[in-house]
N, C-alpha and C. Protein backbone atom coordinates (compact mmCIF):
# COMPACT_ATOMS: atom_id res chain seq x y z
N MET A 1 83.66 94.77 75.08
CA MET A 1 85.03 95.15 75.38
C MET A 1 85.21 95.27 76.82
N ALA A 2 86.27 94.90 77.54
CA ALA A 2 86.62 94.92 78.87
C ALA A 2 87.28 96.33 79.10
N GLY A 3 87.13 96.70 80.42
CA GLY A 3 87.93 97.88 80.92
C GLY A 3 89.35 97.58 81.10
N LYS A 4 90.14 98.67 81.31
CA LYS A 4 91.49 98.43 81.59
C LYS A 4 91.95 99.65 82.44
N PHE A 5 93.16 99.28 83.02
CA PHE A 5 93.94 100.37 83.65
C PHE A 5 94.88 100.92 82.75
N GLU A 6 95.16 102.21 82.68
CA GLU A 6 96.16 102.93 81.86
C GLU A 6 97.15 103.50 82.79
N LEU A 7 98.34 103.06 82.91
CA LEU A 7 99.40 103.61 83.78
C LEU A 7 100.22 104.55 82.82
N LYS A 8 100.40 105.92 83.41
CA LYS A 8 101.07 106.97 82.73
C LYS A 8 102.14 107.49 83.55
N LYS A 9 103.14 108.17 82.86
CA LYS A 9 104.03 109.06 83.57
C LYS A 9 103.77 110.44 83.10
N SER A 10 103.66 111.38 84.21
CA SER A 10 103.45 112.65 83.90
C SER A 10 104.58 113.45 83.46
N PRO A 11 104.56 114.65 82.88
CA PRO A 11 105.72 115.39 82.42
C PRO A 11 106.66 115.74 83.70
N SER A 12 106.04 115.80 84.91
CA SER A 12 106.84 116.07 86.12
C SER A 12 107.56 114.85 86.61
N GLY A 13 107.38 113.71 85.80
CA GLY A 13 108.09 112.40 86.34
C GLY A 13 107.32 111.53 87.31
N LYS A 14 106.12 111.97 87.71
CA LYS A 14 105.30 111.19 88.56
C LYS A 14 104.45 110.27 87.85
N PHE A 15 103.77 109.32 88.46
CA PHE A 15 103.00 108.21 87.83
C PHE A 15 101.63 108.35 88.29
N MET A 16 100.74 108.00 87.45
CA MET A 16 99.29 107.99 87.74
C MET A 16 98.55 106.92 86.84
N PHE A 17 97.28 106.56 87.20
CA PHE A 17 96.52 105.75 86.35
C PHE A 17 95.09 106.14 86.14
N ASN A 18 94.58 105.68 85.15
CA ASN A 18 93.07 105.86 84.86
C ASN A 18 92.52 104.44 84.78
N LEU A 19 91.35 104.26 85.29
CA LEU A 19 90.64 103.02 85.02
C LEU A 19 89.51 103.40 83.91
N LYS A 20 89.54 102.76 82.77
CA LYS A 20 88.66 103.09 81.77
C LYS A 20 87.71 101.80 81.65
N ALA A 21 86.44 102.17 81.24
CA ALA A 21 85.34 101.16 81.07
C ALA A 21 85.67 100.77 79.59
N GLY A 22 84.88 99.64 79.24
CA GLY A 22 85.06 99.06 77.95
C GLY A 22 84.77 99.97 76.79
N ASN A 23 84.08 100.95 77.03
CA ASN A 23 83.81 101.90 75.93
C ASN A 23 84.91 103.14 75.81
N GLY A 24 85.92 102.90 76.66
CA GLY A 24 87.04 103.88 76.62
C GLY A 24 86.92 105.07 77.58
N GLN A 25 85.72 105.29 78.17
CA GLN A 25 85.58 106.40 79.11
C GLN A 25 86.35 106.09 80.34
N ILE A 26 86.84 107.33 80.87
CA ILE A 26 87.57 107.16 82.18
C ILE A 26 86.50 107.12 83.31
N ILE A 27 86.58 106.10 84.08
CA ILE A 27 85.67 106.08 85.28
C ILE A 27 86.30 106.31 86.65
N LEU A 28 87.75 106.28 86.69
CA LEU A 28 88.43 106.60 87.91
C LEU A 28 89.84 107.02 87.52
N THR A 29 90.24 108.16 88.31
CA THR A 29 91.58 108.73 88.00
C THR A 29 92.31 108.65 89.28
N SER A 30 93.57 108.22 89.30
CA SER A 30 94.30 108.12 90.51
C SER A 30 94.95 109.46 91.05
N GLN A 31 95.47 109.44 92.26
CA GLN A 31 96.26 110.51 92.58
C GLN A 31 97.59 110.32 91.89
N MET A 32 98.63 111.17 92.13
CA MET A 32 100.02 111.20 91.52
C MET A 32 100.82 110.37 92.46
N TYR A 33 101.57 109.43 91.97
CA TYR A 33 102.56 108.65 92.86
C TYR A 33 103.98 108.96 92.49
N ALA A 34 104.85 108.92 93.45
CA ALA A 34 106.33 109.23 93.16
C ALA A 34 107.05 108.18 92.29
N THR A 35 106.58 106.90 92.46
CA THR A 35 107.25 105.89 91.73
C THR A 35 106.26 104.97 90.92
N LYS A 36 106.69 104.28 90.01
CA LYS A 36 105.86 103.34 89.18
C LYS A 36 105.34 102.20 90.05
N ALA A 37 106.21 101.92 90.99
CA ALA A 37 105.80 100.78 91.93
C ALA A 37 104.68 101.15 92.86
N SER A 38 104.70 102.40 93.29
CA SER A 38 103.56 102.80 94.23
C SER A 38 102.23 102.88 93.39
N ALA A 39 102.35 103.34 92.03
CA ALA A 39 101.17 103.42 91.34
C ALA A 39 100.69 102.01 90.93
N ALA A 40 101.54 101.13 90.93
CA ALA A 40 101.07 99.54 90.74
C ALA A 40 100.41 99.26 91.95
N ASN A 41 100.95 99.57 93.05
CA ASN A 41 100.20 99.17 94.35
C ASN A 41 98.83 99.89 94.36
N GLY A 42 98.82 101.03 93.88
CA GLY A 42 97.45 101.86 93.90
C GLY A 42 96.46 101.08 93.00
N ILE A 43 96.91 100.40 91.90
CA ILE A 43 95.95 99.62 90.92
C ILE A 43 95.48 98.53 91.70
N GLU A 44 96.43 97.82 92.42
CA GLU A 44 96.05 96.65 93.29
C GLU A 44 95.03 97.08 94.34
N SER A 45 95.19 98.33 94.87
CA SER A 45 94.29 98.73 95.91
C SER A 45 92.87 98.98 95.42
N VAL A 46 92.86 99.44 94.05
CA VAL A 46 91.58 99.72 93.53
C VAL A 46 90.80 98.44 93.23
N ARG A 47 91.57 97.50 92.80
CA ARG A 47 91.06 96.10 92.50
C ARG A 47 90.37 95.59 93.82
N LYS A 48 91.09 95.79 94.91
CA LYS A 48 90.70 95.09 96.18
C LYS A 48 89.42 95.85 96.75
N ASN A 49 89.70 97.18 96.85
CA ASN A 49 88.65 98.03 97.41
C ASN A 49 87.36 98.40 96.68
N SER A 50 87.48 98.16 95.41
CA SER A 50 86.24 98.42 94.56
C SER A 50 85.20 97.43 94.80
N GLN A 51 85.51 96.39 95.48
CA GLN A 51 84.42 95.34 95.66
C GLN A 51 83.60 95.64 97.01
N ASP A 52 84.02 96.71 97.68
CA ASP A 52 83.36 96.93 98.96
C ASP A 52 82.56 98.39 98.86
N ASP A 53 81.42 98.41 98.77
CA ASP A 53 80.54 99.60 98.54
C ASP A 53 80.88 100.68 99.67
N SER A 54 81.29 100.21 100.80
CA SER A 54 81.56 101.26 101.84
C SER A 54 82.83 102.18 101.49
N ARG A 55 83.73 101.69 100.51
CA ARG A 55 84.86 102.43 100.21
C ARG A 55 84.66 103.48 99.20
N PHE A 56 83.38 103.52 98.61
CA PHE A 56 82.95 104.61 97.65
C PHE A 56 82.28 105.86 98.55
N ASP A 57 83.03 106.98 98.36
CA ASP A 57 82.55 108.02 99.20
C ASP A 57 81.83 108.94 98.08
N ARG A 58 80.48 108.95 98.25
CA ARG A 58 79.72 109.74 97.18
C ARG A 58 79.57 111.09 97.74
N LYS A 59 79.97 112.02 96.70
CA LYS A 59 80.00 113.55 97.13
C LYS A 59 79.27 114.44 96.01
N VAL A 60 79.16 115.65 96.42
CA VAL A 60 78.61 116.66 95.41
C VAL A 60 79.64 117.84 95.41
N ALA A 61 79.98 118.07 94.19
CA ALA A 61 80.87 119.21 93.92
C ALA A 61 80.31 120.58 94.22
N LYS A 62 80.98 121.75 94.33
CA LYS A 62 80.43 123.00 94.56
C LYS A 62 79.39 123.37 93.44
N ASN A 63 79.64 122.92 92.30
CA ASN A 63 78.73 123.17 91.13
C ASN A 63 77.49 122.33 91.14
N GLY A 64 77.34 121.40 92.19
CA GLY A 64 76.23 120.64 92.34
C GLY A 64 76.27 119.28 91.68
N GLU A 65 77.20 119.07 90.87
CA GLU A 65 77.37 117.79 90.14
C GLU A 65 77.97 116.65 91.17
N PRO A 66 77.38 115.51 91.15
CA PRO A 66 77.86 114.46 91.99
C PRO A 66 79.10 113.77 91.39
N PHE A 67 80.06 113.21 92.19
CA PHE A 67 81.11 112.47 91.90
C PHE A 67 81.39 111.50 93.10
N PHE A 68 82.36 110.62 92.85
CA PHE A 68 82.77 109.67 94.03
C PHE A 68 84.24 109.62 94.08
N SER A 69 84.75 109.30 95.28
CA SER A 69 86.05 108.96 95.48
C SER A 69 86.16 107.48 96.02
N LEU A 70 87.22 106.71 95.74
CA LEU A 70 87.33 105.47 96.25
C LEU A 70 88.55 105.44 97.28
N THR A 71 88.31 105.00 98.57
CA THR A 71 89.24 105.02 99.51
C THR A 71 89.68 103.68 100.03
N SER A 72 90.85 103.60 100.55
CA SER A 72 91.35 102.34 100.95
C SER A 72 90.87 101.99 102.49
N SER A 73 91.28 100.90 103.04
CA SER A 73 90.93 100.67 104.31
C SER A 73 91.40 101.63 105.45
N ASN A 74 92.58 102.32 105.14
CA ASN A 74 93.05 103.23 106.03
C ASN A 74 92.55 104.55 105.84
N GLY A 75 91.53 104.74 104.81
CA GLY A 75 90.93 106.11 104.62
C GLY A 75 91.68 106.88 103.55
N GLN A 76 92.67 106.41 103.03
CA GLN A 76 93.40 107.22 102.05
C GLN A 76 92.69 107.17 100.62
N ASN A 77 92.61 108.35 100.00
CA ASN A 77 91.96 108.42 98.69
C ASN A 77 92.88 107.66 97.68
N ILE A 78 92.23 106.72 96.86
CA ILE A 78 92.97 105.97 95.82
C ILE A 78 92.69 106.51 94.38
N GLY A 79 91.42 106.99 94.31
CA GLY A 79 91.01 107.51 93.05
C GLY A 79 89.77 108.26 93.07
N LYS A 80 89.46 109.02 92.07
CA LYS A 80 88.27 109.92 92.03
C LYS A 80 87.58 109.88 90.64
N SER A 81 86.38 109.92 90.71
CA SER A 81 85.60 109.95 89.28
C SER A 81 85.53 111.41 88.61
N GLU A 82 85.15 111.33 87.56
CA GLU A 82 84.69 112.56 86.87
C GLU A 82 83.33 113.08 87.43
N SER A 83 83.06 114.18 87.14
CA SER A 83 81.65 114.81 87.62
C SER A 83 80.52 114.13 86.81
N TYR A 84 79.46 113.86 87.31
CA TYR A 84 78.22 113.42 86.68
C TYR A 84 77.17 114.30 86.66
N SER A 85 76.23 114.06 85.64
CA SER A 85 75.08 114.87 85.49
C SER A 85 73.92 114.67 86.50
N SER A 86 74.05 113.56 87.15
CA SER A 86 73.00 113.20 88.10
C SER A 86 73.41 112.05 88.97
N ALA A 87 72.80 111.92 90.09
CA ALA A 87 73.08 110.95 91.09
C ALA A 87 73.01 109.46 90.59
N SER A 88 72.05 109.37 89.75
CA SER A 88 71.94 107.91 89.23
C SER A 88 73.00 107.62 88.12
N ALA A 89 73.49 108.74 87.33
CA ALA A 89 74.67 108.55 86.43
C ALA A 89 75.90 108.25 87.33
N MET A 90 76.04 108.85 88.44
CA MET A 90 77.20 108.66 89.32
C MET A 90 77.14 107.10 89.89
N GLU A 91 75.94 106.59 90.28
CA GLU A 91 75.78 105.30 90.63
C GLU A 91 76.24 104.20 89.51
N ASN A 92 75.86 104.53 88.28
CA ASN A 92 76.29 103.76 87.25
C ASN A 92 77.79 103.81 87.08
N GLY A 93 78.43 104.98 87.44
CA GLY A 93 79.91 104.94 87.32
C GLY A 93 80.58 103.99 88.45
N VAL A 94 79.88 104.01 89.64
CA VAL A 94 80.36 103.15 90.73
C VAL A 94 80.19 101.79 90.32
N ALA A 95 79.05 101.43 89.72
CA ALA A 95 78.91 100.14 89.18
C ALA A 95 79.94 99.61 88.23
N SER A 96 80.30 100.58 87.38
CA SER A 96 81.19 100.27 86.24
C SER A 96 82.66 100.06 86.97
N VAL A 97 82.98 100.69 88.05
CA VAL A 97 84.21 100.58 88.70
C VAL A 97 84.27 99.07 89.33
N LYS A 98 83.13 98.82 90.01
CA LYS A 98 82.99 97.48 90.59
C LYS A 98 83.10 96.36 89.58
N LYS A 99 82.60 96.51 88.50
CA LYS A 99 82.58 95.62 87.34
C LYS A 99 83.93 95.44 86.60
N ASN A 100 84.57 96.56 86.37
CA ASN A 100 85.77 96.50 85.65
C ASN A 100 86.98 96.27 86.37
N ALA A 101 87.19 96.85 87.57
CA ALA A 101 88.42 96.90 88.21
C ALA A 101 89.05 95.67 88.47
N PRO A 102 88.29 94.54 88.99
CA PRO A 102 88.90 93.33 89.52
C PRO A 102 89.76 92.59 88.50
N ASP A 103 89.38 92.58 87.40
CA ASP A 103 90.04 91.84 86.20
C ASP A 103 90.73 92.69 85.06
N ALA A 104 90.71 94.00 85.28
CA ALA A 104 91.08 94.91 84.11
C ALA A 104 92.73 94.66 84.00
N PRO A 105 93.10 94.45 82.74
CA PRO A 105 94.42 94.40 82.53
C PRO A 105 95.03 95.84 82.63
N VAL A 106 96.44 95.86 82.76
CA VAL A 106 97.17 97.15 82.85
C VAL A 106 97.90 97.47 81.56
N ALA A 107 97.56 98.63 80.99
CA ALA A 107 98.19 99.00 79.76
C ALA A 107 99.26 99.89 80.32
N ASP A 108 100.57 99.67 80.22
CA ASP A 108 101.72 100.40 80.66
C ASP A 108 102.07 101.38 79.57
N ASN A 109 101.76 102.70 79.80
CA ASN A 109 102.10 103.74 78.83
C ASN A 109 103.17 104.78 79.31
N THR A 110 104.06 104.20 80.20
CA THR A 110 105.08 104.95 80.82
C THR A 110 106.27 105.23 79.90
């Protein structure tokens, strides 16, 4: 089963998306966007930037759990992962974004 983007509208009226792996697990969560069009642009940015390993900013949370952010060419944060139990699990998450993002269809749940 292939991954997919899920586009959603928040109760506050803003838009965001998740990239889910083929198993349904969320591998990347976007920021909030004011408009649906800007969220769609964010999805395109994930598709493009996910193929450049230097766009993945690998970090460690205060609780010691690793996670990553995906940034665009201008340095803006496009999306963030969940926390992982280990650095190798985080690298599997990065690999999953690289694999799933380019061709993932968009499920519009707005």
